[in-house]
Amino acid sequence: MKKRVHVIVKGKVQGVFFRYNTMKVAQSLGIKGWVRNLRDGSVEIVCEGEDKDIDELIKWCWRGPPGAFVEKVDIKEEEYVGEFSNFEIRY
């Protein structure tokens, strides 16, 4: 089953290659969507994919790449749209 999530990752998640590594993990799982930094220091992810793959990405978000310190991961499920053709970093 496919799902879509809107995720906000808070903590020390900028300046540690969080976006790049999120993109690589998402691509390896076949997840489509995007990731970007927010002005408040958090990272925002909107993505779509299979339930189990999305769950795996969220589990990874709690760890992040080396150097990251994740304090909180807010997850909001949204209606699956199928609008993305790849996973990218947005600026």
N, C-alpha and C. Protein backbone atom coordinates (compact mmCIF):
# COMPACT_ATOMS: atom_id res chain seq x y z
N MET A 1 0.84 -1.19 0.00
CA MET A 1 0.00 0.00 0.00
C MET A 1 0.89 1.25 0.00
N LYS A 2 0.49 2.23 -0.76
CA LYS A 2 1.27 3.47 -0.88
C LYS A 2 0.78 4.50 0.13
N LYS A 3 1.73 5.32 0.59
CA LYS A 3 1.34 6.42 1.47
C LYS A 3 2.23 7.61 1.24
N ARG A 4 1.79 8.73 1.78
CA ARG A 4 2.50 10.01 1.68
C ARG A 4 2.65 10.56 3.09
N VAL A 5 3.82 11.08 3.39
CA VAL A 5 4.05 11.69 4.70
C VAL A 5 4.74 13.03 4.54
N HIS A 6 4.46 13.90 5.51
CA HIS A 6 5.12 15.19 5.65
C HIS A 6 5.86 15.12 6.98
N VAL A 7 7.19 15.22 6.92
CA VAL A 7 8.03 14.99 8.10
C VAL A 7 8.85 16.24 8.40
N ILE A 8 8.93 16.59 9.69
CA ILE A 8 9.81 17.65 10.15
C ILE A 8 10.78 17.02 11.15
N VAL A 9 12.08 17.14 10.86
CA VAL A 9 13.11 16.57 11.73
C VAL A 9 13.79 17.73 12.44
N LYS A 10 13.80 17.67 13.79
CA LYS A 10 14.37 18.75 14.59
C LYS A 10 15.58 18.27 15.37
N GLY A 11 16.47 19.20 15.62
CA GLY A 11 17.70 18.90 16.35
C GLY A 11 18.87 19.50 15.60
N LYS A 12 20.05 18.89 15.74
CA LYS A 12 21.23 19.32 14.98
C LYS A 12 21.20 18.54 13.67
N VAL A 13 20.46 19.08 12.70
CA VAL A 13 20.23 18.36 11.45
C VAL A 13 20.62 19.18 10.22
N GLN A 14 21.19 20.36 10.42
CA GLN A 14 21.71 21.13 9.29
C GLN A 14 23.22 21.22 9.45
N GLY A 15 23.92 21.19 8.32
CA GLY A 15 25.38 21.24 8.34
C GLY A 15 26.01 19.89 8.60
N VAL A 16 25.23 18.81 8.50
CA VAL A 16 25.74 17.45 8.74
C VAL A 16 25.38 16.52 7.57
N PHE A 17 25.09 17.10 6.41
CA PHE A 17 24.72 16.34 5.20
C PHE A 17 23.44 15.55 5.37
N PHE A 18 22.51 16.07 6.19
CA PHE A 18 21.24 15.37 6.43
C PHE A 18 20.43 15.27 5.14
N ARG A 19 20.33 16.38 4.40
CA ARG A 19 19.52 16.36 3.16
C ARG A 19 20.10 15.38 2.15
N TYR A 20 21.39 15.44 1.92
CA TYR A 20 22.02 14.55 0.94
C TYR A 20 21.81 13.09 1.32
N ASN A 21 22.05 12.76 2.58
CA ASN A 21 21.88 11.38 3.02
C ASN A 21 20.42 10.94 2.99
N THR A 22 19.49 11.85 3.31
CA THR A 22 18.07 11.53 3.19
C THR A 22 17.73 11.17 1.75
N MET A 23 18.26 11.97 0.81
CA MET A 23 18.01 11.70 -0.60
C MET A 23 18.54 10.33 -0.99
N LYS A 24 19.75 10.00 -0.58
CA LYS A 24 20.35 8.70 -0.93
C LYS A 24 19.55 7.54 -0.34
N VAL A 25 19.13 7.66 0.92
CA VAL A 25 18.33 6.59 1.55
C VAL A 25 16.99 6.46 0.84
N ALA A 26 16.34 7.59 0.58
CA ALA A 26 15.04 7.55 -0.11
C ALA A 26 15.16 6.92 -1.49
N GLN A 27 16.18 7.31 -2.23
CA GLN A 27 16.37 6.75 -3.57
C GLN A 27 16.62 5.24 -3.50
N SER A 28 17.38 4.79 -2.51
CA SER A 28 17.66 3.36 -2.39
C SER A 28 16.40 2.56 -2.05
N LEU A 29 15.43 3.23 -1.42
CA LEU A 29 14.17 2.58 -1.05
C LEU A 29 13.08 2.76 -2.11
N GLY A 30 13.37 3.52 -3.15
CA GLY A 30 12.37 3.76 -4.20
C GLY A 30 11.33 4.79 -3.81
N ILE A 31 11.66 5.64 -2.85
CA ILE A 31 10.74 6.69 -2.38
C ILE A 31 10.92 7.93 -3.24
N LYS A 32 9.82 8.60 -3.52
CA LYS A 32 9.85 9.81 -4.33
C LYS A 32 9.37 10.99 -3.49
N GLY A 33 9.93 12.18 -3.77
CA GLY A 33 9.55 13.38 -3.02
C GLY A 33 10.70 14.35 -2.94
N TRP A 34 10.80 15.05 -1.82
CA TRP A 34 11.86 16.04 -1.66
C TRP A 34 12.21 16.28 -0.19
N VAL A 35 13.36 16.92 0.01
CA VAL A 35 13.85 17.30 1.33
C VAL A 35 14.43 18.71 1.22
N ARG A 36 14.27 19.51 2.28
CA ARG A 36 14.85 20.85 2.29
C ARG A 36 15.10 21.30 3.73
N ASN A 37 16.02 22.26 3.88
CA ASN A 37 16.26 22.90 5.16
C ASN A 37 15.21 23.97 5.39
N LEU A 38 14.84 24.15 6.64
CA LEU A 38 13.95 25.24 7.03
C LEU A 38 14.74 26.29 7.80
N ARG A 39 14.25 27.50 7.82
CA ARG A 39 14.95 28.61 8.48
C ARG A 39 15.15 28.41 9.97
N ASP A 40 14.28 27.61 10.59
CA ASP A 40 14.40 27.41 12.05
C ASP A 40 15.44 26.35 12.41
N GLY A 41 16.17 25.81 11.41
CA GLY A 41 17.20 24.82 11.68
C GLY A 41 16.75 23.38 11.53
N SER A 42 15.48 23.18 11.23
CA SER A 42 14.97 21.82 11.05
C SER A 42 15.02 21.43 9.57
N VAL A 43 14.69 20.18 9.29
CA VAL A 43 14.67 19.66 7.93
C VAL A 43 13.25 19.16 7.64
N GLU A 44 12.75 19.50 6.47
CA GLU A 44 11.40 19.12 6.05
C GLU A 44 11.49 18.10 4.92
N ILE A 45 10.66 17.06 5.01
CA ILE A 45 10.61 16.02 3.98
C ILE A 45 9.16 15.79 3.61
N VAL A 46 8.87 15.75 2.32
CA VAL A 46 7.56 15.32 1.82
C VAL A 46 7.85 14.19 0.86
N CYS A 47 7.26 13.03 1.12
CA CYS A 47 7.59 11.88 0.27
C CYS A 47 6.44 10.90 0.16
N GLU A 48 6.54 10.09 -0.89
CA GLU A 48 5.54 9.06 -1.17
C GLU A 48 6.24 7.76 -1.52
N GLY A 49 5.62 6.66 -1.12
CA GLY A 49 6.16 5.35 -1.44
C GLY A 49 5.37 4.26 -0.74
N GLU A 50 5.91 3.05 -0.81
CA GLU A 50 5.29 1.92 -0.13
C GLU A 50 5.38 2.11 1.38
N ASP A 51 4.35 1.65 2.09
CA ASP A 51 4.30 1.76 3.56
C ASP A 51 5.61 1.37 4.22
N LYS A 52 6.09 0.17 3.91
CA LYS A 52 7.27 -0.36 4.59
C LYS A 52 8.52 0.47 4.28
N ASP A 53 8.60 1.02 3.07
CA ASP A 53 9.74 1.84 2.70
C ASP A 53 9.70 3.20 3.40
N ILE A 54 8.52 3.79 3.48
CA ILE A 54 8.35 5.06 4.21
C ILE A 54 8.71 4.84 5.68
N ASP A 55 8.25 3.75 6.27
CA ASP A 55 8.56 3.45 7.67
C ASP A 55 10.07 3.31 7.87
N GLU A 56 10.75 2.72 6.90
CA GLU A 56 12.21 2.55 6.98
C GLU A 56 12.90 3.91 6.91
N LEU A 57 12.44 4.80 6.05
CA LEU A 57 13.02 6.14 5.95
C LEU A 57 12.82 6.91 7.25
N ILE A 58 11.62 6.80 7.82
CA ILE A 58 11.35 7.50 9.09
C ILE A 58 12.25 6.96 10.20
N LYS A 59 12.45 5.66 10.22
CA LYS A 59 13.35 5.06 11.21
C LYS A 59 14.76 5.63 11.04
N TRP A 60 15.20 5.76 9.79
CA TRP A 60 16.51 6.35 9.52
C TRP A 60 16.57 7.81 9.99
N CYS A 61 15.48 8.55 9.79
CA CYS A 61 15.43 9.96 10.19
C CYS A 61 15.70 10.13 11.68
N TRP A 62 15.31 9.17 12.50
CA TRP A 62 15.57 9.25 13.94
C TRP A 62 17.06 9.14 14.25
N ARG A 63 17.83 8.50 13.37
CA ARG A 63 19.29 8.39 13.56
C ARG A 63 20.00 9.51 12.81
N GLY A 64 19.67 9.64 11.52
CA GLY A 64 20.35 10.60 10.67
C GLY A 64 21.76 10.17 10.35
N PRO A 65 22.50 11.02 9.63
CA PRO A 65 23.88 10.71 9.30
C PRO A 65 24.81 10.97 10.49
N PRO A 66 26.06 10.53 10.40
CA PRO A 66 27.02 10.86 11.47
C PRO A 66 27.09 12.37 11.67
N GLY A 67 27.13 12.81 12.90
CA GLY A 67 27.18 14.23 13.22
C GLY A 67 25.83 14.84 13.53
N ALA A 68 24.77 14.16 13.16
CA ALA A 68 23.42 14.67 13.44
C ALA A 68 23.02 14.29 14.86
N PHE A 69 22.20 15.13 15.46
CA PHE A 69 21.59 14.82 16.75
C PHE A 69 20.10 15.13 16.62
N VAL A 70 19.32 14.09 16.45
CA VAL A 70 17.88 14.25 16.21
C VAL A 70 17.15 14.29 17.55
N GLU A 71 16.42 15.38 17.77
CA GLU A 71 15.65 15.53 19.01
C GLU A 71 14.19 15.12 18.84
N LYS A 72 13.66 15.34 17.63
CA LYS A 72 12.23 15.09 17.42
C LYS A 72 11.96 14.87 15.94
N VAL A 73 11.02 13.96 15.65
CA VAL A 73 10.57 13.74 14.27
C VAL A 73 9.04 13.82 14.28
N ASP A 74 8.51 14.87 13.68
CA ASP A 74 7.07 15.05 13.57
C ASP A 74 6.62 14.47 12.23
N ILE A 75 5.61 13.60 12.27
CA ILE A 75 5.13 12.92 11.07
C ILE A 75 3.64 13.17 10.90
N LYS A 76 3.28 13.62 9.73
CA LYS A 76 1.86 13.83 9.41
C LYS A 76 1.56 13.05 8.13
N GLU A 77 0.66 12.09 8.23
CA GLU A 77 0.25 11.35 7.02
C GLU A 77 -0.70 12.21 6.21
N GLU A 78 -0.50 12.16 4.90
CA GLU A 78 -1.35 12.91 3.98
C GLU A 78 -1.90 11.94 2.93
N GLU A 79 -2.81 12.41 2.14
CA GLU A 79 -3.38 11.57 1.09
C GLU A 79 -2.35 11.35 -0.02
N TYR A 80 -2.17 10.10 -0.41
CA TYR A 80 -1.25 9.77 -1.50
C TYR A 80 -1.72 10.40 -2.79
N VAL A 81 -0.80 11.08 -3.49
CA VAL A 81 -1.15 11.78 -4.72
C VAL A 81 -0.43 11.19 -5.93
N GLY A 82 0.79 10.72 -5.74
CA GLY A 82 1.57 10.19 -6.85
C GLY A 82 2.14 11.27 -7.75
N GLU A 83 2.48 12.42 -7.16
CA GLU A 83 2.90 13.57 -7.96
C GLU A 83 4.40 13.63 -8.25
N PHE A 84 5.21 12.82 -7.59
CA PHE A 84 6.66 12.93 -7.74
C PHE A 84 7.21 11.88 -8.70
N SER A 85 8.26 12.27 -9.44
CA SER A 85 8.90 11.33 -10.36
C SER A 85 10.27 10.89 -9.85
N ASN A 86 10.78 11.58 -8.82
CA ASN A 86 12.08 11.24 -8.24
C ASN A 86 12.15 11.79 -6.82
N PHE A 87 13.33 11.70 -6.21
CA PHE A 87 13.55 12.31 -4.89
C PHE A 87 14.66 13.32 -5.05
N GLU A 88 14.42 14.55 -4.57
CA GLU A 88 15.39 15.62 -4.80
C GLU A 88 15.57 16.48 -3.56
N ILE A 89 16.67 17.23 -3.58
CA ILE A 89 16.92 18.25 -2.56
C ILE A 89 16.36 19.55 -3.11
N ARG A 90 15.58 20.22 -2.30
CA ARG A 90 15.05 21.54 -2.70
C ARG A 90 15.76 22.61 -1.87
N TYR A 91 15.86 23.78 -2.47
CA TYR A 91 16.55 24.90 -1.81
C TYR A 91 15.61 26.08 -1.64
